[in-house]
Amino acid sequence: MSGYVAELGSCFLCADLGIAPELEPRPDHASYLQSWLSILANDKRAIFQAAAHAQRAVSFLHSLQPEAGLKAAA
């Protein structure tokens, strides 16, 4: 499950930072997605659990950023 948490977390961070996803699919996308589908088929709550863990991780990373620097730059 940790791979799914990391993958979702990276998507969340990219969205927060305005980083566009890659436009070219990876050659192993089909097999990678198949492994996700297997987990989701066996546990309907897996995506929600992974997303919740990922959001907590992203919130933690955001909490490490100095706010004064962000406000001064704006």
PDB file of N, CA and C in Angstrom:
ATOM      1  N   MET A   1       0.829  -1.197   0.000  1.00  0.00           N
ATOM      2  CA  MET A   1       0.000   0.000   0.000  1.00  0.00           C
ATOM      3  C   MET A   1       0.870   1.256   0.000  1.00  0.00           C
ATOM      4  N   SER A   2       2.087   1.165   0.526  1.00  0.00           N
ATOM      5  CA  SER A   2       2.932   2.357   0.624  1.00  0.00           C
ATOM      6  C   SER A   2       3.246   2.943  -0.749  1.00  0.00           C
ATOM      7  N   GLY A   3       3.349   2.111  -1.762  1.00  0.00           N
ATOM      8  CA  GLY A   3       3.584   2.618  -3.113  1.00  0.00           C
ATOM      9  C   GLY A   3       2.422   3.461  -3.607  1.00  0.00           C
ATOM     10  N   TYR A   4       1.213   3.056  -3.261  1.00  0.00           N
ATOM     11  CA  TYR A   4       0.025   3.796  -3.665  1.00  0.00           C
ATOM     12  C   TYR A   4      -0.059   5.124  -2.924  1.00  0.00           C
ATOM     13  N   VAL A   5       0.302   5.104  -1.664  1.00  0.00           N
ATOM     14  CA  VAL A   5       0.310   6.345  -0.869  1.00  0.00           C
ATOM     15  C   VAL A   5       1.318   7.320  -1.476  1.00  0.00           C
ATOM     16  N   ALA A   6       2.501   6.830  -1.792  1.00  0.00           N
ATOM     17  CA  ALA A   6       3.531   7.688  -2.382  1.00  0.00           C
ATOM     18  C   ALA A   6       3.091   8.230  -3.737  1.00  0.00           C
ATOM     19  N   GLU A   7       2.488   7.393  -4.539  1.00  0.00           N
ATOM     20  CA  GLU A   7       2.036   7.819  -5.870  1.00  0.00           C
ATOM     21  C   GLU A   7       0.954   8.886  -5.764  1.00  0.00           C
ATOM     22  N   LEU A   8      -0.023   8.660  -4.901  1.00  0.00           N
ATOM     23  CA  LEU A   8      -1.078   9.653  -4.716  1.00  0.00           C
ATOM     24  C   LEU A   8      -0.519  10.943  -4.120  1.00  0.00           C
ATOM     25  N   GLY A   9       0.376  10.805  -3.145  1.00  0.00           N
ATOM     26  CA  GLY A   9       0.981  11.985  -2.537  1.00  0.00           C
ATOM     27  C   GLY A   9       1.728  12.828  -3.552  1.00  0.00           C
ATOM     28  N   SER A  10       2.450  12.173  -4.452  1.00  0.00           N
ATOM     29  CA  SER A  10       3.175  12.934  -5.468  1.00  0.00           C
ATOM     30  C   SER A  10       2.199  13.643  -6.407  1.00  0.00           C
ATOM     31  N   CYS A  11       1.074  13.011  -6.702  1.00  0.00           N
ATOM     32  CA  CYS A  11       0.049  13.666  -7.522  1.00  0.00           C
ATOM     33  C   CYS A  11      -0.534  14.885  -6.802  1.00  0.00           C
ATOM     34  N   PHE A  12      -0.811  14.732  -5.512  1.00  0.00           N
ATOM     35  CA  PHE A  12      -1.346  15.843  -4.731  1.00  0.00           C
ATOM     36  C   PHE A  12      -0.365  17.007  -4.691  1.00  0.00           C
ATOM     37  N   LEU A  13       0.917  16.700  -4.445  1.00  0.00           N
ATOM     38  CA  LEU A  13       1.929  17.752  -4.388  1.00  0.00           C
ATOM     39  C   LEU A  13       2.093  18.442  -5.737  1.00  0.00           C
ATOM     40  N   CYS A  14       2.118  17.674  -6.804  1.00  0.00           N
ATOM     41  CA  CYS A  14       2.229  18.274  -8.134  1.00  0.00           C
ATOM     42  C   CYS A  14       1.053  19.213  -8.402  1.00  0.00           C
ATOM     43  N   ALA A  15      -0.139  18.797  -8.022  1.00  0.00           N
ATOM     44  CA  ALA A  15      -1.312  19.651  -8.206  1.00  0.00           C
ATOM     45  C   ALA A  15      -1.186  20.930  -7.378  1.00  0.00           C
ATOM     46  N   ASP A  16      -0.748  20.800  -6.133  1.00  0.00           N
ATOM     47  CA  ASP A  16      -0.578  21.972  -5.268  1.00  0.00           C
ATOM     48  C   ASP A  16       0.448  22.953  -5.832  1.00  0.00           C
ATOM     49  N   LEU A  17       1.508  22.411  -6.428  1.00  0.00           N
ATOM     50  CA  LEU A  17       2.614  23.236  -6.921  1.00  0.00           C
ATOM     51  C   LEU A  17       2.462  23.641  -8.383  1.00  0.00           C
ATOM     52  N   GLY A  18       1.403  23.186  -9.020  1.00  0.00           N
ATOM     53  CA  GLY A  18       1.165  23.539 -10.417  1.00  0.00           C
ATOM     54  C   GLY A  18       2.093  22.844 -11.393  1.00  0.00           C
ATOM     55  N   ILE A  19       2.566  21.664 -11.035  1.00  0.00           N
ATOM     56  CA  ILE A  19       3.453  20.902 -11.903  1.00  0.00           C
ATOM     57  C   ILE A  19       2.601  19.993 -12.780  1.00  0.00           C
ATOM     58  N   ALA A  20       2.756  20.135 -14.086  1.00  0.00           N
ATOM     59  CA  ALA A  20       1.969  19.336 -15.028  1.00  0.00           C
ATOM     60  C   ALA A  20       2.486  17.902 -15.072  1.00  0.00           C
ATOM     61  N   PRO A  21       1.578  16.946 -15.218  1.00  0.00           N
ATOM     62  CA  PRO A  21       2.023  15.545 -15.320  1.00  0.00           C
ATOM     63  C   PRO A  21       2.739  15.304 -16.642  1.00  0.00           C
ATOM     64  N   GLU A  22       3.474  14.204 -16.699  1.00  0.00           N
ATOM     65  CA  GLU A  22       4.133  13.822 -17.944  1.00  0.00           C
ATOM     66  C   GLU A  22       3.078  13.528 -19.004  1.00  0.00           C
ATOM     67  N   LEU A  23       3.372  13.940 -20.210  1.00  0.00           N
ATOM     68  CA  LEU A  23       2.421  13.696 -21.292  1.00  0.00           C
ATOM     69  C   LEU A  23       2.643  12.344 -21.966  1.00  0.00           C
ATOM     70  N   GLU A  24       3.827  11.817 -21.860  1.00  0.00           N
ATOM     71  CA  GLU A  24       4.136  10.518 -22.450  1.00  0.00           C
ATOM     72  C   GLU A  24       3.959   9.422 -21.406  1.00  0.00           C
ATOM     73  N   PRO A  25       3.165   8.404 -21.702  1.00  0.00           N
ATOM     74  CA  PRO A  25       3.010   7.311 -20.727  1.00  0.00           C
ATOM     75  C   PRO A  25       4.295   6.487 -20.613  1.00  0.00           C
ATOM     76  N   ARG A  26       4.501   5.976 -19.435  1.00  0.00           N
ATOM     77  CA  ARG A  26       5.642   5.084 -19.214  1.00  0.00           C
ATOM     78  C   ARG A  26       5.351   3.747 -19.898  1.00  0.00           C
ATOM     79  N   PRO A  27       6.396   3.050 -20.333  1.00  0.00           N
ATOM     80  CA  PRO A  27       6.177   1.765 -21.003  1.00  0.00           C
ATOM     81  C   PRO A  27       5.529   0.712 -20.097  1.00  0.00           C
ATOM     82  N   ASP A  28       5.701   0.837 -18.796  1.00  0.00           N
ATOM     83  CA  ASP A  28       5.148  -0.165 -17.878  1.00  0.00           C
ATOM     84  C   ASP A  28       3.830   0.279 -17.232  1.00  0.00           C
ATOM     85  N   HIS A  29       3.177   1.289 -17.803  1.00  0.00           N
ATOM     86  CA  HIS A  29       1.929   1.789 -17.224  1.00  0.00           C
ATOM     87  C   HIS A  29       0.854   0.711 -17.093  1.00  0.00           C
ATOM     88  N   ALA A  30       0.682  -0.086 -18.120  1.00  0.00           N
ATOM     89  CA  ALA A  30      -0.391  -1.088 -18.102  1.00  0.00           C
ATOM     90  C   ALA A  30      -0.203  -2.080 -16.959  1.00  0.00           C
ATOM     91  N   SER A  31       0.995  -2.587 -16.776  1.00  0.00           N
ATOM     92  CA  SER A  31       1.216  -3.554 -15.693  1.00  0.00           C
ATOM     93  C   SER A  31       1.139  -2.872 -14.328  1.00  0.00           C
ATOM     94  N   TYR A  32       1.584  -1.613 -14.258  1.00  0.00           N
ATOM     95  CA  TYR A  32       1.513  -0.862 -13.004  1.00  0.00           C
ATOM     96  C   TYR A  32       0.060  -0.638 -12.601  1.00  0.00           C
ATOM     97  N   LEU A  33      -0.751  -0.217 -13.556  1.00  0.00           N
ATOM     98  CA  LEU A  33      -2.172  -0.006 -13.269  1.00  0.00           C
ATOM     99  C   LEU A  33      -2.876  -1.318 -12.940  1.00  0.00           C
ATOM    100  N   GLN A  34      -2.467  -2.397 -13.564  1.00  0.00           N
ATOM    101  CA  GLN A  34      -3.067  -3.702 -13.276  1.00  0.00           C
ATOM    102  C   GLN A  34      -2.846  -4.087 -11.815  1.00  0.00           C
ATOM    103  N   SER A  35      -1.665  -3.763 -11.282  1.00  0.00           N
ATOM    104  CA  SER A  35      -1.405  -4.087  -9.875  1.00  0.00           C
ATOM    105  C   SER A  35      -2.323  -3.264  -8.966  1.00  0.00           C
ATOM    106  N   TRP A  36      -2.601  -2.034  -9.338  1.00  0.00           N
ATOM    107  CA  TRP A  36      -3.541  -1.214  -8.565  1.00  0.00           C
ATOM    108  C   TRP A  36      -4.938  -1.818  -8.614  1.00  0.00           C
ATOM    109  N   LEU A  37      -5.340  -2.222  -9.807  1.00  0.00           N
ATOM    110  CA  LEU A  37      -6.686  -2.787  -9.964  1.00  0.00           C
ATOM    111  C   LEU A  37      -6.864  -4.047  -9.141  1.00  0.00           C
ATOM    112  N   SER A  38      -5.827  -4.838  -9.035  1.00  0.00           N
ATOM    113  CA  SER A  38      -5.903  -6.057  -8.220  1.00  0.00           C
ATOM    114  C   SER A  38      -6.143  -5.714  -6.757  1.00  0.00           C
ATOM    115  N   ILE A  39      -5.436  -4.718  -6.260  1.00  0.00           N
ATOM    116  CA  ILE A  39      -5.611  -4.313  -4.858  1.00  0.00           C
ATOM    117  C   ILE A  39      -7.008  -3.740  -4.646  1.00  0.00           C
ATOM    118  N   LEU A  40      -7.448  -2.886  -5.569  1.00  0.00           N
ATOM    119  CA  LEU A  40      -8.766  -2.255  -5.425  1.00  0.00           C
ATOM    120  C   LEU A  40      -9.899  -3.286  -5.533  1.00  0.00           C
ATOM    121  N   ALA A  41      -9.706  -4.314  -6.320  1.00  0.00           N
ATOM    122  CA  ALA A  41     -10.732  -5.347  -6.447  1.00  0.00           C
ATOM    123  C   ALA A  41     -10.883  -6.130  -5.149  1.00  0.00           C
ATOM    124  N   ASN A  42      -9.778  -6.293  -4.433  1.00  0.00           N
ATOM    125  CA  ASN A  42      -9.813  -7.067  -3.194  1.00  0.00           C
ATOM    126  C   ASN A  42     -10.206  -6.240  -1.979  1.00  0.00           C
ATOM    127  N   ASP A  43      -9.999  -4.926  -2.036  1.00  0.00           N
ATOM    128  CA  ASP A  43     -10.316  -4.062  -0.894  1.00  0.00           C
ATOM    129  C   ASP A  43     -10.889  -2.755  -1.410  1.00  0.00           C
ATOM    130  N   LYS A  44     -12.192  -2.608  -1.321  1.00  0.00           N
ATOM    131  CA  LYS A  44     -12.885  -1.426  -1.851  1.00  0.00           C
ATOM    132  C   LYS A  44     -12.508  -0.145  -1.107  1.00  0.00           C
ATOM    133  N   ARG A  45     -11.954  -0.272   0.090  1.00  0.00           N
ATOM    134  CA  ARG A  45     -11.571   0.914   0.871  1.00  0.00           C
ATOM    135  C   ARG A  45     -10.126   1.325   0.640  1.00  0.00           C
ATOM    136  N   ALA A  46      -9.374   0.540  -0.105  1.00  0.00           N
ATOM    137  CA  ALA A  46      -7.936   0.779  -0.265  1.00  0.00           C
ATOM    138  C   ALA A  46      -7.639   2.160  -0.824  1.00  0.00           C
ATOM    139  N   ILE A  47      -8.383   2.602  -1.829  1.00  0.00           N
ATOM    140  CA  ILE A  47      -8.112   3.904  -2.430  1.00  0.00           C
ATOM    141  C   ILE A  47      -8.357   5.030  -1.435  1.00  0.00           C
ATOM    142  N   PHE A  48      -9.385   4.880  -0.610  1.00  0.00           N
ATOM    143  CA  PHE A  48      -9.691   5.913   0.380  1.00  0.00           C
ATOM    144  C   PHE A  48      -8.636   5.945   1.484  1.00  0.00           C
ATOM    145  N   GLN A  49      -8.195   4.772   1.895  1.00  0.00           N
ATOM    146  CA  GLN A  49      -7.147   4.707   2.914  1.00  0.00           C
ATOM    147  C   GLN A  49      -5.840   5.283   2.382  1.00  0.00           C
ATOM    148  N   ALA A  50      -5.483   4.926   1.164  1.00  0.00           N
ATOM    149  CA  ALA A  50      -4.248   5.438   0.568  1.00  0.00           C
ATOM    150  C   ALA A  50      -4.326   6.951   0.388  1.00  0.00           C
ATOM    151  N   ALA A  51      -5.472   7.447  -0.063  1.00  0.00           N
ATOM    152  CA  ALA A  51      -5.630   8.890  -0.258  1.00  0.00           C
ATOM    153  C   ALA A  51      -5.555   9.633   1.073  1.00  0.00           C
ATOM    154  N   ALA A  52      -6.125   9.076   2.116  1.00  0.00           N
ATOM    155  CA  ALA A  52      -6.067   9.725   3.436  1.00  0.00           C
ATOM    156  C   ALA A  52      -4.631   9.773   3.952  1.00  0.00           C
ATOM    157  N   HIS A  53      -3.900   8.679   3.810  1.00  0.00           N
ATOM    158  CA  HIS A  53      -2.491   8.665   4.228  1.00  0.00           C
ATOM    159  C   HIS A  53      -1.672   9.653   3.404  1.00  0.00           C
ATOM    160  N   ALA A  54      -1.931   9.686   2.104  1.00  0.00           N
ATOM    161  CA  ALA A  54      -1.198  10.600   1.224  1.00  0.00           C
ATOM    162  C   ALA A  54      -1.478  12.051   1.597  1.00  0.00           C
ATOM    163  N   GLN A  55      -2.729  12.361   1.890  1.00  0.00           N
ATOM    164  CA  GLN A  55      -3.064  13.736   2.261  1.00  0.00           C
ATOM    165  C   GLN A  55      -2.399  14.141   3.568  1.00  0.00           C
ATOM    166  N   ARG A  56      -2.336  13.220   4.518  1.00  0.00           N
ATOM    167  CA  ARG A  56      -1.641  13.523   5.776  1.00  0.00           C
ATOM    168  C   ARG A  56      -0.152  13.771   5.524  1.00  0.00           C
ATOM    169  N   ALA A  57       0.444  12.978   4.646  1.00  0.00           N
ATOM    170  CA  ALA A  57       1.865  13.157   4.314  1.00  0.00           C
ATOM    171  C   ALA A  57       2.096  14.497   3.634  1.00  0.00           C
ATOM    172  N   VAL A  58       1.229  14.861   2.708  1.00  0.00           N
ATOM    173  CA  VAL A  58       1.353  16.137   2.006  1.00  0.00           C
ATOM    174  C   VAL A  58       1.151  17.295   2.979  1.00  0.00           C
ATOM    175  N   SER A  59       0.194  17.176   3.863  1.00  0.00           N
ATOM    176  CA  SER A  59      -0.024  18.227   4.868  1.00  0.00           C
ATOM    177  C   SER A  59       1.199  18.385   5.755  1.00  0.00           C
ATOM    178  N   PHE A  60       1.821  17.277   6.118  1.00  0.00           N
ATOM    179  CA  PHE A  60       3.040  17.336   6.915  1.00  0.00           C
ATOM    180  C   PHE A  60       4.143  18.063   6.153  1.00  0.00           C
ATOM    181  N   LEU A  61       4.327  17.725   4.887  1.00  0.00           N
ATOM    182  CA  LEU A  61       5.356  18.396   4.085  1.00  0.00           C
ATOM    183  C   LEU A  61       5.080  19.892   3.962  1.00  0.00           C
ATOM    184  N   HIS A  62       3.811  20.248   3.776  1.00  0.00           N
ATOM    185  CA  HIS A  62       3.454  21.674   3.716  1.00  0.00           C
ATOM    186  C   HIS A  62       3.758  22.368   5.043  1.00  0.00           C
ATOM    187  N   SER A  63       3.572  21.664   6.142  1.00  0.00           N
ATOM    188  CA  SER A  63       3.808  22.272   7.452  1.00  0.00           C
ATOM    189  C   SER A  63       5.284  22.571   7.684  1.00  0.00           C
ATOM    190  N   LEU A  64       6.153  21.928   6.944  1.00  0.00           N
ATOM    191  CA  LEU A  64       7.591  22.158   7.086  1.00  0.00           C
ATOM    192  C   LEU A  64       8.068  23.406   6.345  1.00  0.00           C
ATOM    193  N   GLN A  65       7.220  23.940   5.477  1.00  0.00           N
ATOM    194  CA  GLN A  65       7.611  25.103   4.695  1.00  0.00           C
ATOM    195  C   GLN A  65       7.443  26.379   5.515  1.00  0.00           C
ATOM    196  N   PRO A  66       8.432  27.272   5.469  1.00  0.00           N
ATOM    197  CA  PRO A  66       8.304  28.532   6.195  1.00  0.00           C
ATOM    198  C   PRO A  66       7.248  29.428   5.532  1.00  0.00           C
ATOM    199  N   GLU A  67       6.283  29.851   6.312  1.00  0.00           N
ATOM    200  CA  GLU A  67       5.204  30.672   5.770  1.00  0.00           C
ATOM    201  C   GLU A  67       5.646  32.098   5.495  1.00  0.00           C
ATOM    202  N   ALA A  68       6.594  32.624   6.249  1.00  0.00           N
ATOM    203  CA  ALA A  68       7.034  33.996   6.055  1.00  0.00           C
ATOM    204  C   ALA A  68       7.584  34.190   4.641  1.00  0.00           C
ATOM    205  N   GLY A  69       8.337  33.222   4.157  1.00  0.00           N
ATOM    206  CA  GLY A  69       8.894  33.308   2.817  1.00  0.00           C
ATOM    207  C   GLY A  69       7.821  33.302   1.746  1.00  0.00           C
ATOM    208  N   LEU A  70       6.771  32.541   1.958  1.00  0.00           N
ATOM    209  CA  LEU A  70       5.685  32.486   0.996  1.00  0.00           C
ATOM    210  C   LEU A  70       4.916  33.805   0.961  1.00  0.00           C
ATOM    211  N   LYS A  71       4.662  34.394   2.109  1.00  0.00           N
ATOM    212  CA  LYS A  71       3.923  35.652   2.164  1.00  0.00           C
ATOM    213  C   LYS A  71       4.744  36.798   1.584  1.00  0.00           C
ATOM    214  N   ALA A  72       6.049  36.807   1.802  1.00  0.00           N
ATOM    215  CA  ALA A  72       6.913  37.867   1.284  1.00  0.00           C
ATOM    216  C   ALA A  72       6.997  37.792  -0.236  1.00  0.00           C
ATOM    217  N   ALA A  73       6.967  36.593  -0.776  1.00  0.00           N
ATOM    218  CA  ALA A  73       7.065  36.416  -2.217  1.00  0.00           C
ATOM    219  C   ALA A  73       5.780  36.830  -2.925  1.00  0.00           C
ATOM    220  N   ALA A  74       4.677  36.797  -2.217  1.00  0.00           N
ATOM    221  CA  ALA A  74       3.375  37.129  -2.820  1.00  0.00           C
ATOM    222  C   ALA A  74       3.170  38.579  -2.923  1.00  0.00           C
TER     223      ALA A  74
END
